[in-house]
Every structure is written in structure tokens, then in C-alpha cells.
Amino acid sequence: QFNWKQRRGKMATTIHDVARAAEVGIG
């Protein structure tokens, strides 16, 4: 669902997404 919305441009990347992809904390 996330990938589909990203492709459709209906959901901006959040800081949580960056933290999860980089495998670090939000802080």
C-alpha cells in the first residue's frame, strides 16, 4: 500500500520512513 501510494504521489515520505530505511532512530 505504501509503495502504491508513493508511486501515485499521494503520500509524502515521513521521518519515520527515513528512520526505518536507514535502520536508525527518529532522533
mmCIF file of all heavy atoms, coordinates in Angstrom:
data_MODEL
# 
_entry.id   MODEL 
# 
loop_
_atom_site.group_PDB 
_atom_site.id 
_atom_site.type_symbol 
_atom_site.label_atom_id 
_atom_site.label_alt_id 
_atom_site.label_comp_id 
_atom_site.label_asym_id 
_atom_site.label_entity_id 
_atom_site.label_seq_id 
_atom_site.pdbx_PDB_ins_code 
_atom_site.Cartn_x 
_atom_site.Cartn_y 
_atom_site.Cartn_z 
_atom_site.occupancy 
_atom_site.B_iso_or_equiv 
_atom_site.pdbx_formal_charge 
_atom_site.auth_seq_id 
_atom_site.auth_comp_id 
_atom_site.auth_asym_id 
_atom_site.auth_atom_id 
_atom_site.pdbx_PDB_model_num 
ATOM 1   N N   . GLN A 1 1  ? 0.837  -1.204 0.000   1.00 0.00 ? 1  GLN A N   1 
ATOM 2   C CA  . GLN A 1 1  ? 0.000  0.000  0.000   1.00 0.00 ? 1  GLN A CA  1 
ATOM 3   C C   . GLN A 1 1  ? 0.876  1.259  0.000   1.00 0.00 ? 1  GLN A C   1 
ATOM 4   O O   . GLN A 1 1  ? 0.622  2.217  -0.731  1.00 0.00 ? 1  GLN A O   1 
ATOM 5   C CB  . GLN A 1 1  ? -0.913 0.003  1.225   1.00 0.00 ? 1  GLN A CB  1 
ATOM 6   C CG  . GLN A 1 1  ? -1.906 1.181  1.228   1.00 0.00 ? 1  GLN A CG  1 
ATOM 7   C CD  . GLN A 1 1  ? -2.734 1.217  2.478   1.00 0.00 ? 1  GLN A CD  1 
ATOM 8   O OE1 . GLN A 1 1  ? -2.195 1.102  3.574   1.00 0.00 ? 1  GLN A OE1 1 
ATOM 9   N NE2 . GLN A 1 1  ? -4.052 1.338  2.325   1.00 0.00 ? 1  GLN A NE2 1 
ATOM 10  N N   . PHE A 1 2  ? 1.946  1.229  0.817   1.00 0.00 ? 2  PHE A N   1 
ATOM 11  C CA  . PHE A 1 2  ? 2.869  2.369  0.888   1.00 0.00 ? 2  PHE A CA  1 
ATOM 12  C C   . PHE A 1 2  ? 3.527  2.599  -0.475  1.00 0.00 ? 2  PHE A C   1 
ATOM 13  O O   . PHE A 1 2  ? 3.582  3.721  -0.979  1.00 0.00 ? 2  PHE A O   1 
ATOM 14  C CB  . PHE A 1 2  ? 3.935  2.113  1.957   1.00 0.00 ? 2  PHE A CB  1 
ATOM 15  C CG  . PHE A 1 2  ? 5.051  3.112  1.949   1.00 0.00 ? 2  PHE A CG  1 
ATOM 16  C CD1 . PHE A 1 2  ? 4.874  4.369  2.497   1.00 0.00 ? 2  PHE A CD1 1 
ATOM 17  C CD2 . PHE A 1 2  ? 6.279  2.793  1.362   1.00 0.00 ? 2  PHE A CD2 1 
ATOM 18  C CE1 . PHE A 1 2  ? 5.895  5.299  2.486   1.00 0.00 ? 2  PHE A CE1 1 
ATOM 19  C CE2 . PHE A 1 2  ? 7.297  3.729  1.346   1.00 0.00 ? 2  PHE A CE2 1 
ATOM 20  C CZ  . PHE A 1 2  ? 7.093  4.976  1.912   1.00 0.00 ? 2  PHE A CZ  1 
ATOM 21  N N   . ASN A 1 3  ? 4.024  1.508  -1.073  1.00 0.00 ? 3  ASN A N   1 
ATOM 22  C CA  . ASN A 1 3  ? 4.688  1.630  -2.371  1.00 0.00 ? 3  ASN A CA  1 
ATOM 23  C C   . ASN A 1 3  ? 3.734  2.144  -3.440  1.00 0.00 ? 3  ASN A C   1 
ATOM 24  O O   . ASN A 1 3  ? 4.106  2.961  -4.282  1.00 0.00 ? 3  ASN A O   1 
ATOM 25  C CB  . ASN A 1 3  ? 5.261  0.271  -2.798  1.00 0.00 ? 3  ASN A CB  1 
ATOM 26  C CG  . ASN A 1 3  ? 6.437  -0.143 -1.924  1.00 0.00 ? 3  ASN A CG  1 
ATOM 27  O OD1 . ASN A 1 3  ? 7.084  0.707  -1.318  1.00 0.00 ? 3  ASN A OD1 1 
ATOM 28  N ND2 . ASN A 1 3  ? 6.698  -1.435 -1.860  1.00 0.00 ? 3  ASN A ND2 1 
ATOM 29  N N   . TRP A 1 4  ? 2.483  1.680  -3.382  1.00 0.00 ? 4  TRP A N   1 
ATOM 30  C CA  . TRP A 1 4  ? 1.495  2.122  -4.375  1.00 0.00 ? 4  TRP A CA  1 
ATOM 31  C C   . TRP A 1 4  ? 1.209  3.609  -4.220  1.00 0.00 ? 4  TRP A C   1 
ATOM 32  O O   . TRP A 1 4  ? 1.170  4.355  -5.201  1.00 0.00 ? 4  TRP A O   1 
ATOM 33  C CB  . TRP A 1 4  ? 0.201  1.308  -4.191  1.00 0.00 ? 4  TRP A CB  1 
ATOM 34  C CG  . TRP A 1 4  ? -0.873 1.728  -5.175  1.00 0.00 ? 4  TRP A CG  1 
ATOM 35  C CD1 . TRP A 1 4  ? -0.966 1.405  -6.489  1.00 0.00 ? 4  TRP A CD1 1 
ATOM 36  C CD2 . TRP A 1 4  ? -1.984 2.586  -4.888  1.00 0.00 ? 4  TRP A CD2 1 
ATOM 37  N NE1 . TRP A 1 4  ? -2.066 1.980  -7.065  1.00 0.00 ? 4  TRP A NE1 1 
ATOM 38  C CE2 . TRP A 1 4  ? -2.723 2.722  -6.099  1.00 0.00 ? 4  TRP A CE2 1 
ATOM 39  C CE3 . TRP A 1 4  ? -2.443 3.232  -3.751  1.00 0.00 ? 4  TRP A CE3 1 
ATOM 40  C CZ2 . TRP A 1 4  ? -3.875 3.489  -6.173  1.00 0.00 ? 4  TRP A CZ2 1 
ATOM 41  C CZ3 . TRP A 1 4  ? -3.581 3.995  -3.837  1.00 0.00 ? 4  TRP A CZ3 1 
ATOM 42  C CH2 . TRP A 1 4  ? -4.295 4.115  -5.039  1.00 0.00 ? 4  TRP A CH2 1 
ATOM 43  N N   . LYS A 1 5  ? 1.054  4.062  -2.984  1.00 0.00 ? 5  LYS A N   1 
ATOM 44  C CA  . LYS A 1 5  ? 0.763  5.472  -2.748  1.00 0.00 ? 5  LYS A CA  1 
ATOM 45  C C   . LYS A 1 5  ? 1.961  6.352  -3.100  1.00 0.00 ? 5  LYS A C   1 
ATOM 46  O O   . LYS A 1 5  ? 1.795  7.472  -3.574  1.00 0.00 ? 5  LYS A O   1 
ATOM 47  C CB  . LYS A 1 5  ? 0.367  5.699  -1.280  1.00 0.00 ? 5  LYS A CB  1 
ATOM 48  C CG  . LYS A 1 5  ? -1.033 5.175  -0.963  1.00 0.00 ? 5  LYS A CG  1 
ATOM 49  C CD  . LYS A 1 5  ? -1.410 5.490  0.478   1.00 0.00 ? 5  LYS A CD  1 
ATOM 50  C CE  . LYS A 1 5  ? -2.840 5.025  0.777   1.00 0.00 ? 5  LYS A CE  1 
ATOM 51  N NZ  . LYS A 1 5  ? -3.222 5.323  2.169   1.00 0.00 ? 5  LYS A NZ  1 
ATOM 52  N N   . GLN A 1 6  ? 3.136  5.817  -2.850  1.00 0.00 ? 6  GLN A N   1 
ATOM 53  C CA  . GLN A 1 6  ? 4.330  6.563  -3.243  1.00 0.00 ? 6  GLN A CA  1 
ATOM 54  C C   . GLN A 1 6  ? 4.365  6.738  -4.753  1.00 0.00 ? 6  GLN A C   1 
ATOM 55  O O   . GLN A 1 6  ? 4.674  7.816  -5.262  1.00 0.00 ? 6  GLN A O   1 
ATOM 56  C CB  . GLN A 1 6  ? 5.606  5.844  -2.788  1.00 0.00 ? 6  GLN A CB  1 
ATOM 57  C CG  . GLN A 1 6  ? 5.900  6.001  -1.308  1.00 0.00 ? 6  GLN A CG  1 
ATOM 58  C CD  . GLN A 1 6  ? 6.423  7.385  -1.024  1.00 0.00 ? 6  GLN A CD  1 
ATOM 59  O OE1 . GLN A 1 6  ? 5.653  8.308  -0.793  1.00 0.00 ? 6  GLN A OE1 1 
ATOM 60  N NE2 . GLN A 1 6  ? 7.725  7.557  -1.030  1.00 0.00 ? 6  GLN A NE2 1 
ATOM 61  N N   . ARG A 1 7  ? 4.036  5.657  -5.448  1.00 0.00 ? 7  ARG A N   1 
ATOM 62  C CA  . ARG A 1 7  ? 4.043  5.724  -6.907  1.00 0.00 ? 7  ARG A CA  1 
ATOM 63  C C   . ARG A 1 7  ? 2.969  6.673  -7.404  1.00 0.00 ? 7  ARG A C   1 
ATOM 64  O O   . ARG A 1 7  ? 3.154  7.368  -8.391  1.00 0.00 ? 7  ARG A O   1 
ATOM 65  C CB  . ARG A 1 7  ? 3.820  4.320  -7.508  1.00 0.00 ? 7  ARG A CB  1 
ATOM 66  C CG  . ARG A 1 7  ? 5.008  3.392  -7.356  1.00 0.00 ? 7  ARG A CG  1 
ATOM 67  C CD  . ARG A 1 7  ? 4.839  2.172  -8.247  1.00 0.00 ? 7  ARG A CD  1 
ATOM 68  N NE  . ARG A 1 7  ? 3.661  1.392  -7.899  1.00 0.00 ? 7  ARG A NE  1 
ATOM 69  C CZ  . ARG A 1 7  ? 3.675  0.394  -7.008  1.00 0.00 ? 7  ARG A CZ  1 
ATOM 70  N NH1 . ARG A 1 7  ? 4.795  0.082  -6.368  1.00 0.00 ? 7  ARG A NH1 1 
ATOM 71  N NH2 . ARG A 1 7  ? 2.564  -0.281 -6.750  1.00 0.00 ? 7  ARG A NH2 1 
ATOM 72  N N   . ARG A 1 8  ? 1.872  6.703  -6.730  1.00 0.00 ? 8  ARG A N   1 
ATOM 73  C CA  . ARG A 1 8  ? 0.774  7.582  -7.123  1.00 0.00 ? 8  ARG A CA  1 
ATOM 74  C C   . ARG A 1 8  ? 1.015  9.024  -6.663  1.00 0.00 ? 8  ARG A C   1 
ATOM 75  O O   . ARG A 1 8  ? 0.299  9.927  -7.049  1.00 0.00 ? 8  ARG A O   1 
ATOM 76  C CB  . ARG A 1 8  ? -0.542 7.087  -6.501  1.00 0.00 ? 8  ARG A CB  1 
ATOM 77  C CG  . ARG A 1 8  ? -0.978 5.723  -7.016  1.00 0.00 ? 8  ARG A CG  1 
ATOM 78  C CD  . ARG A 1 8  ? -1.615 5.817  -8.367  1.00 0.00 ? 8  ARG A CD  1 
ATOM 79  N NE  . ARG A 1 8  ? -2.871 6.558  -8.297  1.00 0.00 ? 8  ARG A NE  1 
ATOM 80  C CZ  . ARG A 1 8  ? -3.608 6.849  -9.340  1.00 0.00 ? 8  ARG A CZ  1 
ATOM 81  N NH1 . ARG A 1 8  ? -3.225 6.468  -10.541 1.00 0.00 ? 8  ARG A NH1 1 
ATOM 82  N NH2 . ARG A 1 8  ? -4.735 7.540  -9.214  1.00 0.00 ? 8  ARG A NH2 1 
ATOM 83  N N   . GLY A 1 9  ? 2.038  9.230  -5.813  1.00 0.00 ? 9  GLY A N   1 
ATOM 84  C CA  . GLY A 1 9  ? 2.360  10.571 -5.329  1.00 0.00 ? 9  GLY A CA  1 
ATOM 85  C C   . GLY A 1 9  ? 1.367  11.100 -4.320  1.00 0.00 ? 9  GLY A C   1 
ATOM 86  O O   . GLY A 1 9  ? 1.253  12.308 -4.125  1.00 0.00 ? 9  GLY A O   1 
ATOM 87  N N   . LYS A 1 10 ? 0.645  10.206 -3.641  1.00 0.00 ? 10 LYS A N   1 
ATOM 88  C CA  . LYS A 1 10 ? -0.380 10.641 -2.706  1.00 0.00 ? 10 LYS A CA  1 
ATOM 89  C C   . LYS A 1 10 ? 0.077  10.577 -1.257  1.00 0.00 ? 10 LYS A C   1 
ATOM 90  O O   . LYS A 1 10 ? -0.685 10.872 -0.357  1.00 0.00 ? 10 LYS A O   1 
ATOM 91  C CB  . LYS A 1 10 ? -1.654 9.796  -2.872  1.00 0.00 ? 10 LYS A CB  1 
ATOM 92  C CG  . LYS A 1 10 ? -2.330 10.020 -4.211  1.00 0.00 ? 10 LYS A CG  1 
ATOM 93  C CD  . LYS A 1 10 ? -3.612 9.229  -4.297  1.00 0.00 ? 10 LYS A CD  1 
ATOM 94  C CE  . LYS A 1 10 ? -4.305 9.483  -5.629  1.00 0.00 ? 10 LYS A CE  1 
ATOM 95  N NZ  . LYS A 1 10 ? -5.561 8.719  -5.742  1.00 0.00 ? 10 LYS A NZ  1 
ATOM 96  N N   . MET A 1 11 ? 1.319  10.172 -1.029  1.00 0.00 ? 11 MET A N   1 
ATOM 97  C CA  . MET A 1 11 ? 1.779  10.085 0.344   1.00 0.00 ? 11 MET A CA  1 
ATOM 98  C C   . MET A 1 11 ? 3.246  10.475 0.392   1.00 0.00 ? 11 MET A C   1 
ATOM 99  O O   . MET A 1 11 ? 4.090  9.825  -0.201  1.00 0.00 ? 11 MET A O   1 
ATOM 100 C CB  . MET A 1 11 ? 1.597  8.668  0.886   1.00 0.00 ? 11 MET A CB  1 
ATOM 101 C CG  . MET A 1 11 ? 1.907  8.539  2.372   1.00 0.00 ? 11 MET A CG  1 
ATOM 102 S SD  . MET A 1 11 ? 1.357  6.944  2.970   1.00 0.00 ? 11 MET A SD  1 
ATOM 103 C CE  . MET A 1 11 ? 2.917  6.149  3.247   1.00 0.00 ? 11 MET A CE  1 
ATOM 104 N N   . ALA A 1 12 ? 3.548  11.566 1.096   1.00 0.00 ? 12 ALA A N   1 
ATOM 105 C CA  . ALA A 1 12 ? 4.921  12.033 1.198   1.00 0.00 ? 12 ALA A CA  1 
ATOM 106 C C   . ALA A 1 12 ? 5.701  11.160 2.158   1.00 0.00 ? 12 ALA A C   1 
ATOM 107 O O   . ALA A 1 12 ? 5.153  10.578 3.095   1.00 0.00 ? 12 ALA A O   1 
ATOM 108 C CB  . ALA A 1 12 ? 4.943  13.484 1.678   1.00 0.00 ? 12 ALA A CB  1 
ATOM 109 N N   . THR A 1 13 ? 6.987  11.051 1.896   1.00 0.00 ? 13 THR A N   1 
ATOM 110 C CA  . THR A 1 13 ? 7.866  10.307 2.790   1.00 0.00 ? 13 THR A CA  1 
ATOM 111 C C   . THR A 1 13 ? 7.936  11.036 4.127   1.00 0.00 ? 13 THR A C   1 
ATOM 112 O O   . THR A 1 13 ? 8.024  12.255 4.179   1.00 0.00 ? 13 THR A O   1 
ATOM 113 C CB  . THR A 1 13 ? 9.274  10.225 2.191   1.00 0.00 ? 13 THR A CB  1 
ATOM 114 O OG1 . THR A 1 13 ? 9.180  9.674  0.881   1.00 0.00 ? 13 THR A OG1 1 
ATOM 115 C CG2 . THR A 1 13 ? 10.179 9.366  3.044   1.00 0.00 ? 13 THR A CG2 1 
ATOM 116 N N   . THR A 1 14 ? 7.889  10.258 5.208   1.00 0.00 ? 14 THR A N   1 
ATOM 117 C CA  . THR A 1 14 ? 7.955  10.840 6.549   1.00 0.00 ? 14 THR A CA  1 
ATOM 118 C C   . THR A 1 14 ? 9.305  10.538 7.182   1.00 0.00 ? 14 THR A C   1 
ATOM 119 O O   . THR A 1 14 ? 10.083 9.711  6.686   1.00 0.00 ? 14 THR A O   1 
ATOM 120 C CB  . THR A 1 14 ? 6.847  10.277 7.451   1.00 0.00 ? 14 THR A CB  1 
ATOM 121 O OG1 . THR A 1 14 ? 7.127  8.892  7.712   1.00 0.00 ? 14 THR A OG1 1 
ATOM 122 C CG2 . THR A 1 14 ? 5.483  10.415 6.783   1.00 0.00 ? 14 THR A CG2 1 
ATOM 123 N N   . ILE A 1 15 ? 9.564  11.201 8.299   1.00 0.00 ? 15 ILE A N   1 
ATOM 124 C CA  . ILE A 1 15 ? 10.798 10.965 9.036   1.00 0.00 ? 15 ILE A CA  1 
ATOM 125 C C   . ILE A 1 15 ? 10.854 9.520  9.538   1.00 0.00 ? 15 ILE A C   1 
ATOM 126 O O   . ILE A 1 15 ? 11.929 8.930  9.671   1.00 0.00 ? 15 ILE A O   1 
ATOM 127 C CB  . ILE A 1 15 ? 10.933 11.966 10.202  1.00 0.00 ? 15 ILE A CB  1 
ATOM 128 C CG1 . ILE A 1 15 ? 12.352 11.926 10.784  1.00 0.00 ? 15 ILE A CG1 1 
ATOM 129 C CG2 . ILE A 1 15 ? 9.888  11.716 11.276  1.00 0.00 ? 15 ILE A CG2 1 
ATOM 130 C CD1 . ILE A 1 15 ? 12.614 13.023 11.804  1.00 0.00 ? 15 ILE A CD1 1 
ATOM 131 N N   . HIS A 1 16 ? 9.664  8.940  9.795   1.00 0.00 ? 16 HIS A N   1 
ATOM 132 C CA  . HIS A 1 16 ? 9.606  7.539  10.218  1.00 0.00 ? 16 HIS A CA  1 
ATOM 133 C C   . HIS A 1 16 ? 10.096 6.620  9.100   1.00 0.00 ? 16 HIS A C   1 
ATOM 134 O O   . HIS A 1 16 ? 10.797 5.631  9.364   1.00 0.00 ? 16 HIS A O   1 
ATOM 135 C CB  . HIS A 1 16 ? 8.156  7.167  10.592  1.00 0.00 ? 16 HIS A CB  1 
ATOM 136 C CG  . HIS A 1 16 ? 7.637  7.931  11.769  1.00 0.00 ? 16 HIS A CG  1 
ATOM 137 N ND1 . HIS A 1 16 ? 7.839  7.526  13.071  1.00 0.00 ? 16 HIS A ND1 1 
ATOM 138 C CD2 . HIS A 1 16 ? 6.928  9.087  11.829  1.00 0.00 ? 16 HIS A CD2 1 
ATOM 139 C CE1 . HIS A 1 16 ? 7.257  8.392  13.886  1.00 0.00 ? 16 HIS A CE1 1 
ATOM 140 N NE2 . HIS A 1 16 ? 6.703  9.351  13.164  1.00 0.00 ? 16 HIS A NE2 1 
ATOM 141 N N   . ASP A 1 17 ? 9.727  6.944  7.861   1.00 0.00 ? 17 ASP A N   1 
ATOM 142 C CA  . ASP A 1 17 ? 10.167 6.142  6.717   1.00 0.00 ? 17 ASP A CA  1 
ATOM 143 C C   . ASP A 1 17 ? 11.688 6.188  6.577   1.00 0.00 ? 17 ASP A C   1 
ATOM 144 O O   . ASP A 1 17 ? 12.330 5.169  6.310   1.00 0.00 ? 17 ASP A O   1 
ATOM 145 C CB  . ASP A 1 17 ? 9.510  6.649  5.428   1.00 0.00 ? 17 ASP A CB  1 
ATOM 146 C CG  . ASP A 1 17 ? 7.998  6.615  5.504   1.00 0.00 ? 17 ASP A CG  1 
ATOM 147 O OD1 . ASP A 1 17 ? 7.460  5.668  6.115   1.00 0.00 ? 17 ASP A OD1 1 
ATOM 148 O OD2 . ASP A 1 17 ? 7.366  7.542  4.969   1.00 0.00 ? 17 ASP A OD2 1 
ATOM 149 N N   . VAL A 1 18 ? 12.256 7.391  6.746   1.00 0.00 ? 18 VAL A N   1 
ATOM 150 C CA  . VAL A 1 18 ? 13.709 7.545  6.649   1.00 0.00 ? 18 VAL A CA  1 
ATOM 151 C C   . VAL A 1 18 ? 14.395 6.739  7.741   1.00 0.00 ? 18 VAL A C   1 
ATOM 152 O O   . VAL A 1 18 ? 15.374 6.022  7.488   1.00 0.00 ? 18 VAL A O   1 
ATOM 153 C CB  . VAL A 1 18 ? 14.110 9.036  6.746   1.00 0.00 ? 18 VAL A CB  1 
ATOM 154 C CG1 . VAL A 1 18 ? 15.633 9.176  6.795   1.00 0.00 ? 18 VAL A CG1 1 
ATOM 155 C CG2 . VAL A 1 18 ? 13.539 9.820  5.579   1.00 0.00 ? 18 VAL A CG2 1 
ATOM 156 N N   . ALA A 1 19 ? 13.883 6.855  8.960   1.00 0.00 ? 19 ALA A N   1 
ATOM 157 C CA  . ALA A 1 19 ? 14.488 6.130  10.087  1.00 0.00 ? 19 ALA A CA  1 
ATOM 158 C C   . ALA A 1 19 ? 14.435 4.623  9.868   1.00 0.00 ? 19 ALA A C   1 
ATOM 159 O O   . ALA A 1 19 ? 15.413 3.910  10.126  1.00 0.00 ? 19 ALA A O   1 
ATOM 160 C CB  . ALA A 1 19 ? 13.767 6.511  11.376  1.00 0.00 ? 19 ALA A CB  1 
ATOM 161 N N   . ARG A 1 20 ? 13.278 4.134  9.368   1.00 0.00 ? 20 ARG A N   1 
ATOM 162 C CA  . ARG A 1 20 ? 13.126 2.695  9.147   1.00 0.00 ? 20 ARG A CA  1 
ATOM 163 C C   . ARG A 1 20 ? 14.069 2.214  8.043   1.00 0.00 ? 20 ARG A C   1 
ATOM 164 O O   . ARG A 1 20 ? 14.747 1.197  8.185   1.00 0.00 ? 20 ARG A O   1 
ATOM 165 C CB  . ARG A 1 20 ? 11.673 2.388  8.779   1.00 0.00 ? 20 ARG A CB  1 
ATOM 166 C CG  . ARG A 1 20 ? 11.390 0.903  8.593   1.00 0.00 ? 20 ARG A CG  1 
ATOM 167 C CD  . ARG A 1 20 ? 9.900  0.593  8.527   1.00 0.00 ? 20 ARG A CD  1 
ATOM 168 N NE  . ARG A 1 20 ? 9.221  1.402  7.514   1.00 0.00 ? 20 ARG A NE  1 
ATOM 169 C CZ  . ARG A 1 20 ? 8.332  2.342  7.791   1.00 0.00 ? 20 ARG A CZ  1 
ATOM 170 N NH1 . ARG A 1 20 ? 8.036  2.625  9.046   1.00 0.00 ? 20 ARG A NH1 1 
ATOM 171 N NH2 . ARG A 1 20 ? 7.740  3.022  6.815   1.00 0.00 ? 20 ARG A NH2 1 
ATOM 172 N N   . ALA A 1 21 ? 14.155 2.986  6.952   1.00 0.00 ? 21 ALA A N   1 
ATOM 173 C CA  . ALA A 1 21 ? 15.007 2.577  5.834   1.00 0.00 ? 21 ALA A CA  1 
ATOM 174 C C   . ALA A 1 21 ? 16.491 2.654  6.187   1.00 0.00 ? 21 ALA A C   1 
ATOM 175 O O   . ALA A 1 21 ? 17.292 1.825  5.733   1.00 0.00 ? 21 ALA A O   1 
ATOM 176 C CB  . ALA A 1 21 ? 14.717 3.447  4.613   1.00 0.00 ? 21 ALA A CB  1 
ATOM 177 N N   . ALA A 1 22 ? 16.860 3.628  6.997   1.00 0.00 ? 22 ALA A N   1 
ATOM 178 C CA  . ALA A 1 22 ? 18.271 3.783  7.387   1.00 0.00 ? 22 ALA A CA  1 
ATOM 179 C C   . ALA A 1 22 ? 18.631 2.933  8.599   1.00 0.00 ? 22 ALA A C   1 
ATOM 180 O O   . ALA A 1 22 ? 19.796 2.891  8.999   1.00 0.00 ? 22 ALA A O   1 
ATOM 181 C CB  . ALA A 1 22 ? 18.564 5.249  7.678   1.00 0.00 ? 22 ALA A CB  1 
ATOM 182 N N   . GLU A 1 23 ? 17.594 2.341  9.196   1.00 0.00 ? 23 GLU A N   1 
ATOM 183 C CA  . GLU A 1 23 ? 17.779 1.477  10.378  1.00 0.00 ? 23 GLU A CA  1 
ATOM 184 C C   . GLU A 1 23 ? 18.399 2.250  11.552  1.00 0.00 ? 23 GLU A C   1 
ATOM 185 O O   . GLU A 1 23 ? 19.332 1.801  12.202  1.00 0.00 ? 23 GLU A O   1 
ATOM 186 C CB  . GLU A 1 23 ? 18.641 0.252  10.025  1.00 0.00 ? 23 GLU A CB  1 
ATOM 187 C CG  . GLU A 1 23 ? 18.016 -0.628 8.957   1.00 0.00 ? 23 GLU A CG  1 
ATOM 188 C CD  . GLU A 1 23 ? 18.888 -1.831 8.605   1.00 0.00 ? 23 GLU A CD  1 
ATOM 189 O OE1 . GLU A 1 23 ? 20.123 -1.712 8.760   1.00 0.00 ? 23 GLU A OE1 1 
ATOM 190 O OE2 . GLU A 1 23 ? 18.340 -2.869 8.205   1.00 0.00 ? 23 GLU A OE2 1 
ATOM 191 N N   . VAL A 1 24 ? 17.846 3.452  11.773  1.00 0.00 ? 24 VAL A N   1 
ATOM 192 C CA  . VAL A 1 24 ? 18.265 4.272  12.909  1.00 0.00 ? 24 VAL A CA  1 
ATOM 193 C C   . VAL A 1 24 ? 17.009 4.821  13.588  1.00 0.00 ? 24 VAL A C   1 
ATOM 194 O O   . VAL A 1 24 ? 15.896 4.655  13.083  1.00 0.00 ? 24 VAL A O   1 
ATOM 195 C CB  . VAL A 1 24 ? 19.157 5.460  12.475  1.00 0.00 ? 24 VAL A CB  1 
ATOM 196 C CG1 . VAL A 1 24 ? 20.452 4.954  11.842  1.00 0.00 ? 24 VAL A CG1 1 
ATOM 197 C CG2 . VAL A 1 24 ? 18.407 6.386  11.519  1.00 0.00 ? 24 VAL A CG2 1 
ATOM 198 N N   . GLY A 1 25 ? 17.213 5.467  14.727  1.00 0.00 ? 25 GLY A N   1 
ATOM 199 C CA  . GLY A 1 25 ? 16.085 6.052  15.430  1.00 0.00 ? 25 GLY A CA  1 
ATOM 200 C C   . GLY A 1 25 ? 15.674 7.380  14.814  1.00 0.00 ? 25 GLY A C   1 
ATOM 201 O O   . GLY A 1 25 ? 16.443 8.023  14.094  1.00 0.00 ? 25 GLY A O   1 
ATOM 202 N N   . ILE A 1 26 ? 14.439 7.811  15.113  1.00 0.00 ? 26 ILE A N   1 
ATOM 203 C CA  . ILE A 1 26 ? 13.936 9.092  14.609  1.00 0.00 ? 26 ILE A CA  1 
ATOM 204 C C   . ILE A 1 26 ? 14.796 10.244 15.115  1.00 0.00 ? 26 ILE A C   1 
ATOM 205 O O   . ILE A 1 26 ? 15.055 11.205 14.397  1.00 0.00 ? 26 ILE A O   1 
ATOM 206 C CB  . ILE A 1 26 ? 12.468 9.291  15.039  1.00 0.00 ? 26 ILE A CB  1 
ATOM 207 C CG1 . ILE A 1 26 ? 11.577 8.255  14.344  1.00 0.00 ? 26 ILE A CG1 1 
ATOM 208 C CG2 . ILE A 1 26 ? 11.986 10.703 14.701  1.00 0.00 ? 26 ILE A CG2 1 
ATOM 209 C CD1 . ILE A 1 26 ? 10.149 8.279  14.818  1.00 0.00 ? 26 ILE A CD1 1 
ATOM 210 N N   . GLY A 1 27 ? 15.256 10.113 16.362  1.00 0.00 ? 27 GLY A N   1 
ATOM 211 C CA  . GLY A 1 27 ? 16.104 11.156 16.944  1.00 0.00 ? 27 GLY A CA  1 
ATOM 212 C C   . GLY A 1 27 ? 17.387 11.364 16.156  1.00 0.00 ? 27 GLY A C   1 
ATOM 213 O O   . GLY A 1 27 ? 17.857 12.494 15.987  1.00 0.00 ? 27 GLY A O   1 
# 
